[in-house]
């Protein structure tokens, strides 16, 4: 899985490419913490899942942990670009109701200023 981090003002953007599963979560957690923790000006975070064809329970659990971490800082975390197969995981686990989910990255970013 490829992970890239960007920042637009006080909003962080994480772009993932590849499966988000048990094999990848430890590395992703470490990279996220190395990026998020020292960047105290980051408030909100968008996770772009456009190029994530599969997510398992470990990946879903990691996103929930990130949501909690971002909210503890006073921000929010939004997801965008979820593919149909990944969306089914959110539906089945009923986690769709705890995340703000948008079709595009632009809509997700704009949601923070509302």
N, C-alpha and C. Protein backbone atom coordinates (compact mmCIF):
# COMPACT_ATOMS: atom_id res chain seq x y z
N UNK A 1 0.84 -1.17 0.00
CA UNK A 1 0.00 0.00 0.00
C UNK A 1 0.89 1.24 0.00
N UNK A 2 0.55 2.18 -0.84
CA UNK A 2 1.23 3.46 -0.91
C UNK A 2 0.44 4.47 -0.08
N UNK A 3 1.14 5.29 0.68
CA UNK A 3 0.51 6.30 1.51
C UNK A 3 1.18 7.64 1.23
N UNK A 4 0.37 8.65 0.96
CA UNK A 4 0.95 9.98 0.83
C UNK A 4 0.15 10.95 1.70
N UNK A 5 0.87 11.90 2.25
CA UNK A 5 0.29 12.88 3.16
C UNK A 5 0.46 14.26 2.55
N UNK A 6 -0.60 15.06 2.63
CA UNK A 6 -0.56 16.44 2.17
C UNK A 6 -1.21 17.31 3.22
N UNK A 7 -1.02 18.62 3.07
CA UNK A 7 -1.67 19.54 3.99
C UNK A 7 -2.13 20.76 3.22
N UNK A 8 -3.39 21.13 3.42
CA UNK A 8 -3.95 22.36 2.87
C UNK A 8 -4.46 23.16 4.07
N UNK A 9 -3.75 24.22 4.40
CA UNK A 9 -4.02 25.03 5.60
C UNK A 9 -3.99 24.12 6.82
N UNK A 10 -5.10 24.04 7.58
CA UNK A 10 -5.09 23.21 8.78
C UNK A 10 -5.76 21.85 8.56
N UNK A 11 -5.90 21.46 7.28
CA UNK A 11 -6.50 20.18 6.94
C UNK A 11 -5.45 19.24 6.36
N UNK A 12 -5.36 18.06 6.95
CA UNK A 12 -4.46 17.04 6.45
C UNK A 12 -5.19 16.13 5.47
N UNK A 13 -4.48 15.67 4.47
CA UNK A 13 -5.06 14.78 3.48
C UNK A 13 -4.17 13.55 3.37
N UNK A 14 -4.79 12.40 3.51
CA UNK A 14 -4.08 11.13 3.38
C UNK A 14 -4.63 10.43 2.16
N UNK A 15 -3.75 10.07 1.25
CA UNK A 15 -4.15 9.38 0.02
C UNK A 15 -3.57 7.97 0.06
N UNK A 16 -4.47 7.00 0.01
CA UNK A 16 -4.06 5.60 0.08
C UNK A 16 -4.21 4.94 -1.27
N UNK A 17 -3.32 4.01 -1.55
CA UNK A 17 -3.37 3.24 -2.79
C UNK A 17 -3.01 1.79 -2.47
N UNK A 18 -4.02 0.93 -2.51
CA UNK A 18 -3.81 -0.48 -2.18
C UNK A 18 -4.73 -0.92 -1.07
N UNK A 19 -4.68 -2.20 -0.76
CA UNK A 19 -5.53 -2.76 0.28
C UNK A 19 -5.16 -2.22 1.66
N UNK A 20 -6.18 -1.96 2.46
CA UNK A 20 -5.98 -1.54 3.85
C UNK A 20 -6.39 -2.73 4.71
N UNK A 21 -5.38 -3.53 5.06
CA UNK A 21 -5.67 -4.77 5.78
C UNK A 21 -4.68 -4.99 6.91
N UNK A 22 -4.85 -6.12 7.58
CA UNK A 22 -4.05 -6.44 8.77
C UNK A 22 -2.55 -6.40 8.49
N UNK A 23 -2.16 -6.71 7.29
CA UNK A 23 -0.73 -6.71 6.94
C UNK A 23 -0.18 -5.28 6.91
N UNK A 24 -1.02 -4.30 6.59
CA UNK A 24 -0.57 -2.93 6.38
C UNK A 24 -0.82 -1.99 7.55
N UNK A 25 -1.67 -2.37 8.51
CA UNK A 25 -2.11 -1.39 9.51
C UNK A 25 -0.98 -0.89 10.42
N UNK A 26 -0.06 -1.73 10.81
CA UNK A 26 1.01 -1.28 11.71
C UNK A 26 1.88 -0.21 11.06
N UNK A 27 2.24 -0.44 9.80
CA UNK A 27 3.06 0.54 9.08
C UNK A 27 2.28 1.84 8.88
N UNK A 28 1.00 1.73 8.54
CA UNK A 28 0.17 2.91 8.34
C UNK A 28 0.02 3.69 9.65
N UNK A 29 -0.22 3.00 10.76
CA UNK A 29 -0.34 3.65 12.07
C UNK A 29 0.93 4.43 12.39
N UNK A 30 2.08 3.81 12.17
CA UNK A 30 3.34 4.47 12.47
C UNK A 30 3.54 5.71 11.59
N UNK A 31 3.29 5.58 10.30
CA UNK A 31 3.45 6.72 9.39
C UNK A 31 2.48 7.84 9.75
N UNK A 32 1.23 7.48 10.08
CA UNK A 32 0.25 8.50 10.48
C UNK A 32 0.73 9.25 11.71
N UNK A 33 1.16 8.53 12.73
CA UNK A 33 1.59 9.17 13.97
C UNK A 33 2.83 10.04 13.77
N UNK A 34 3.75 9.60 12.92
CA UNK A 34 4.95 10.41 12.62
C UNK A 34 4.58 11.69 11.89
N UNK A 35 3.49 11.67 11.15
CA UNK A 35 3.02 12.84 10.40
C UNK A 35 2.10 13.71 11.26
N UNK A 36 1.13 13.12 11.92
CA UNK A 36 0.09 13.86 12.63
C UNK A 36 0.58 14.45 13.95
N UNK A 37 1.27 13.69 14.74
CA UNK A 37 1.66 14.13 16.08
C UNK A 37 2.47 15.43 16.09
N UNK A 38 3.54 15.54 15.29
CA UNK A 38 4.32 16.78 15.35
C UNK A 38 3.66 17.97 14.64
N UNK A 39 2.71 17.71 13.75
CA UNK A 39 2.04 18.78 13.01
C UNK A 39 0.82 19.25 13.80
N UNK A 40 1.07 19.96 14.88
CA UNK A 40 0.00 20.37 15.77
C UNK A 40 -0.96 21.38 15.15
N UNK A 41 -0.58 21.97 14.02
CA UNK A 41 -1.48 22.89 13.33
C UNK A 41 -2.55 22.14 12.53
N UNK A 42 -2.40 20.84 12.37
CA UNK A 42 -3.41 20.04 11.67
C UNK A 42 -4.61 19.87 12.58
N UNK A 43 -5.77 20.17 12.04
CA UNK A 43 -6.99 20.02 12.81
C UNK A 43 -7.84 18.89 12.24
N UNK A 44 -8.25 19.05 10.99
CA UNK A 44 -9.11 18.07 10.34
C UNK A 44 -8.30 17.20 9.38
N UNK A 45 -8.82 16.00 9.13
CA UNK A 45 -8.12 15.05 8.26
C UNK A 45 -9.12 14.41 7.29
N UNK A 46 -8.71 14.33 6.03
CA UNK A 46 -9.47 13.61 5.00
C UNK A 46 -8.65 12.39 4.62
N UNK A 47 -9.30 11.23 4.58
CA UNK A 47 -8.66 10.01 4.11
C UNK A 47 -9.31 9.66 2.77
N UNK A 48 -8.52 9.73 1.72
CA UNK A 48 -9.00 9.44 0.36
C UNK A 48 -8.81 7.96 0.08
N UNK A 49 -9.91 7.24 -0.04
CA UNK A 49 -9.90 5.80 -0.27
C UNK A 49 -10.21 5.43 -1.72
N UNK A 50 -10.06 6.37 -2.62
CA UNK A 50 -10.40 6.14 -4.04
C UNK A 50 -9.67 4.95 -4.64
N UNK A 51 -8.44 4.73 -4.21
CA UNK A 51 -7.63 3.64 -4.77
C UNK A 51 -7.43 2.50 -3.78
N UNK A 52 -8.41 2.32 -2.89
CA UNK A 52 -8.38 1.22 -1.93
C UNK A 52 -9.46 0.21 -2.34
N UNK A 53 -9.05 -0.92 -2.94
CA UNK A 53 -10.04 -1.89 -3.40
C UNK A 53 -10.60 -2.79 -2.30
N UNK A 54 -9.88 -2.88 -1.15
CA UNK A 54 -10.32 -3.79 -0.09
C UNK A 54 -9.89 -3.24 1.27
N UNK A 55 -10.79 -3.39 2.25
CA UNK A 55 -10.48 -3.04 3.63
C UNK A 55 -11.01 -4.17 4.52
N UNK A 56 -10.22 -4.55 5.51
CA UNK A 56 -10.68 -5.59 6.43
C UNK A 56 -10.94 -4.96 7.80
N UNK A 57 -11.27 -5.80 8.79
CA UNK A 57 -11.62 -5.28 10.11
C UNK A 57 -10.46 -4.54 10.77
N UNK A 58 -9.24 -4.98 10.51
CA UNK A 58 -8.08 -4.29 11.09
C UNK A 58 -7.95 -2.89 10.50
N UNK A 59 -8.15 -2.76 9.20
CA UNK A 59 -8.10 -1.46 8.54
C UNK A 59 -9.20 -0.54 9.04
N UNK A 60 -10.39 -1.11 9.19
CA UNK A 60 -11.52 -0.34 9.69
C UNK A 60 -11.27 0.12 11.13
N UNK A 61 -10.73 -0.77 11.94
CA UNK A 61 -10.39 -0.42 13.32
C UNK A 61 -9.36 0.70 13.39
N UNK A 62 -8.42 0.68 12.47
CA UNK A 62 -7.40 1.73 12.43
C UNK A 62 -8.01 3.08 12.09
N UNK A 63 -8.93 3.10 11.13
CA UNK A 63 -9.61 4.36 10.78
C UNK A 63 -10.40 4.90 11.97
N UNK A 64 -11.03 4.01 12.73
CA UNK A 64 -11.76 4.43 13.92
C UNK A 64 -10.79 5.01 14.96
N UNK A 65 -9.64 4.39 15.12
CA UNK A 65 -8.63 4.91 16.05
C UNK A 65 -8.14 6.29 15.61
N UNK A 66 -7.94 6.48 14.30
CA UNK A 66 -7.53 7.79 13.79
C UNK A 66 -8.62 8.83 14.04
N UNK A 67 -9.88 8.44 13.84
CA UNK A 67 -10.99 9.35 14.09
C UNK A 67 -10.96 9.84 15.53
N UNK A 68 -10.75 8.94 16.46
CA UNK A 68 -10.68 9.30 17.87
C UNK A 68 -9.51 10.23 18.14
N UNK A 69 -8.37 9.92 17.56
CA UNK A 69 -7.16 10.72 17.76
C UNK A 69 -7.35 12.15 17.23
N UNK A 70 -7.96 12.27 16.06
CA UNK A 70 -8.19 13.59 15.46
C UNK A 70 -9.21 14.37 16.29
N UNK A 71 -10.27 13.70 16.74
CA UNK A 71 -11.29 14.38 17.54
C UNK A 71 -10.73 14.83 18.89
N UNK A 72 -9.79 14.09 19.44
CA UNK A 72 -9.16 14.51 20.70
C UNK A 72 -8.41 15.83 20.54
N UNK A 73 -8.00 16.11 19.31
CA UNK A 73 -7.31 17.37 19.02
C UNK A 73 -8.30 18.47 18.70
N UNK A 74 -9.59 18.15 18.65
CA UNK A 74 -10.62 19.14 18.36
C UNK A 74 -11.00 19.21 16.90
N UNK A 75 -10.56 18.25 16.11
CA UNK A 75 -10.87 18.23 14.69
C UNK A 75 -11.84 17.12 14.35
N UNK A 76 -11.91 16.83 13.06
CA UNK A 76 -12.77 15.75 12.59
C UNK A 76 -12.07 15.03 11.45
N UNK A 77 -12.51 13.83 11.18
CA UNK A 77 -11.94 13.02 10.12
C UNK A 77 -13.05 12.64 9.16
N UNK A 78 -12.82 12.83 7.87
CA UNK A 78 -13.79 12.48 6.84
C UNK A 78 -13.15 11.51 5.86
N UNK A 79 -13.97 10.67 5.29
CA UNK A 79 -13.52 9.72 4.27
C UNK A 79 -14.09 10.14 2.93
N UNK A 80 -13.39 9.80 1.86
CA UNK A 80 -13.92 10.11 0.53
C UNK A 80 -13.47 9.04 -0.47
N UNK A 81 -14.20 9.00 -1.58
CA UNK A 81 -13.84 8.13 -2.69
C UNK A 81 -13.99 6.65 -2.42
N UNK A 82 -14.91 6.28 -1.57
CA UNK A 82 -15.05 4.86 -1.20
C UNK A 82 -15.65 4.07 -2.36
N UNK A 83 -14.96 3.00 -2.73
CA UNK A 83 -15.44 2.11 -3.78
C UNK A 83 -16.57 1.24 -3.25
N UNK A 84 -17.32 0.66 -4.16
CA UNK A 84 -18.50 -0.12 -3.80
C UNK A 84 -18.17 -1.27 -2.84
N UNK A 85 -17.13 -2.01 -3.12
CA UNK A 85 -16.77 -3.16 -2.28
C UNK A 85 -16.39 -2.70 -0.86
N UNK A 86 -15.67 -1.60 -0.77
CA UNK A 86 -15.28 -1.06 0.53
C UNK A 86 -16.51 -0.51 1.25
N UNK A 87 -17.40 0.12 0.50
CA UNK A 87 -18.62 0.66 1.08
C UNK A 87 -19.46 -0.43 1.75
N UNK A 88 -19.45 -1.62 1.18
CA UNK A 88 -20.19 -2.74 1.77
C UNK A 88 -19.68 -3.07 3.17
N UNK A 89 -18.37 -2.97 3.37
CA UNK A 89 -17.79 -3.23 4.69
C UNK A 89 -18.33 -2.22 5.70
N UNK A 90 -18.41 -0.95 5.31
CA UNK A 90 -18.95 0.08 6.19
C UNK A 90 -20.44 -0.16 6.45
N UNK A 91 -21.17 -0.62 5.45
CA UNK A 91 -22.60 -0.92 5.63
C UNK A 91 -22.81 -2.10 6.58
N UNK A 92 -22.11 -3.18 6.32
CA UNK A 92 -22.28 -4.41 7.10
C UNK A 92 -21.91 -4.19 8.57
N UNK A 93 -20.85 -3.44 8.81
CA UNK A 93 -20.38 -3.21 10.18
C UNK A 93 -21.08 -2.02 10.85
N UNK A 94 -21.91 -1.35 10.08
CA UNK A 94 -22.66 -0.17 10.57
C UNK A 94 -21.75 0.96 11.02
N UNK A 95 -20.54 0.98 10.52
CA UNK A 95 -19.61 2.06 10.86
C UNK A 95 -19.81 3.27 9.94
N UNK A 96 -20.65 3.12 8.95
CA UNK A 96 -20.92 4.24 8.04
C UNK A 96 -21.52 5.42 8.80
N UNK A 97 -22.20 5.13 9.89
CA UNK A 97 -22.85 6.22 10.63
C UNK A 97 -21.91 6.98 11.55
N UNK A 98 -20.71 6.48 11.79
CA UNK A 98 -19.78 7.23 12.64
C UNK A 98 -18.80 8.09 11.83
N UNK A 99 -18.71 7.82 10.54
CA UNK A 99 -17.82 8.60 9.67
C UNK A 99 -18.63 9.53 8.78
N UNK A 100 -18.04 10.69 8.50
CA UNK A 100 -18.57 11.56 7.44
C UNK A 100 -17.94 11.08 6.15
N UNK A 101 -18.77 10.66 5.19
CA UNK A 101 -18.27 10.08 3.95
C UNK A 101 -18.74 10.93 2.77
N UNK A 102 -17.79 11.27 1.89
CA UNK A 102 -18.08 12.12 0.75
C UNK A 102 -17.59 11.47 -0.53
N UNK A 103 -18.18 11.86 -1.64
CA UNK A 103 -17.78 11.29 -2.93
C UNK A 103 -16.40 11.72 -3.34
N UNK A 104 -16.08 13.00 -3.11
CA UNK A 104 -14.80 13.53 -3.58
C UNK A 104 -14.01 14.16 -2.43
N UNK A 105 -12.74 14.29 -2.66
CA UNK A 105 -11.85 14.94 -1.70
C UNK A 105 -12.26 16.40 -1.49
N UNK A 106 -12.63 17.07 -2.57
CA UNK A 106 -13.01 18.47 -2.49
C UNK A 106 -14.24 18.67 -1.59
N UNK A 107 -15.23 17.80 -1.73
CA UNK A 107 -16.42 17.88 -0.88
C UNK A 107 -16.08 17.62 0.58
N UNK A 108 -15.19 16.68 0.81
CA UNK A 108 -14.77 16.37 2.19
C UNK A 108 -14.07 17.57 2.82
N UNK A 109 -13.16 18.18 2.09
CA UNK A 109 -12.44 19.35 2.60
C UNK A 109 -13.41 20.48 2.87
N UNK A 110 -14.34 20.72 1.94
CA UNK A 110 -15.31 21.81 2.10
C UNK A 110 -16.22 21.58 3.30
N UNK A 111 -16.44 20.34 3.69
CA UNK A 111 -17.34 20.05 4.82
C UNK A 111 -16.82 20.59 6.13
N UNK A 112 -15.52 20.76 6.25
CA UNK A 112 -14.94 21.25 7.50
C UNK A 112 -15.21 22.73 7.73
N UNK A 113 -15.49 23.46 6.67
CA UNK A 113 -15.72 24.90 6.83
C UNK A 113 -17.20 25.22 6.98
N UNK A 114 -18.04 24.20 6.99
CA UNK A 114 -19.49 24.43 7.12
C UNK A 114 -19.89 24.65 8.55
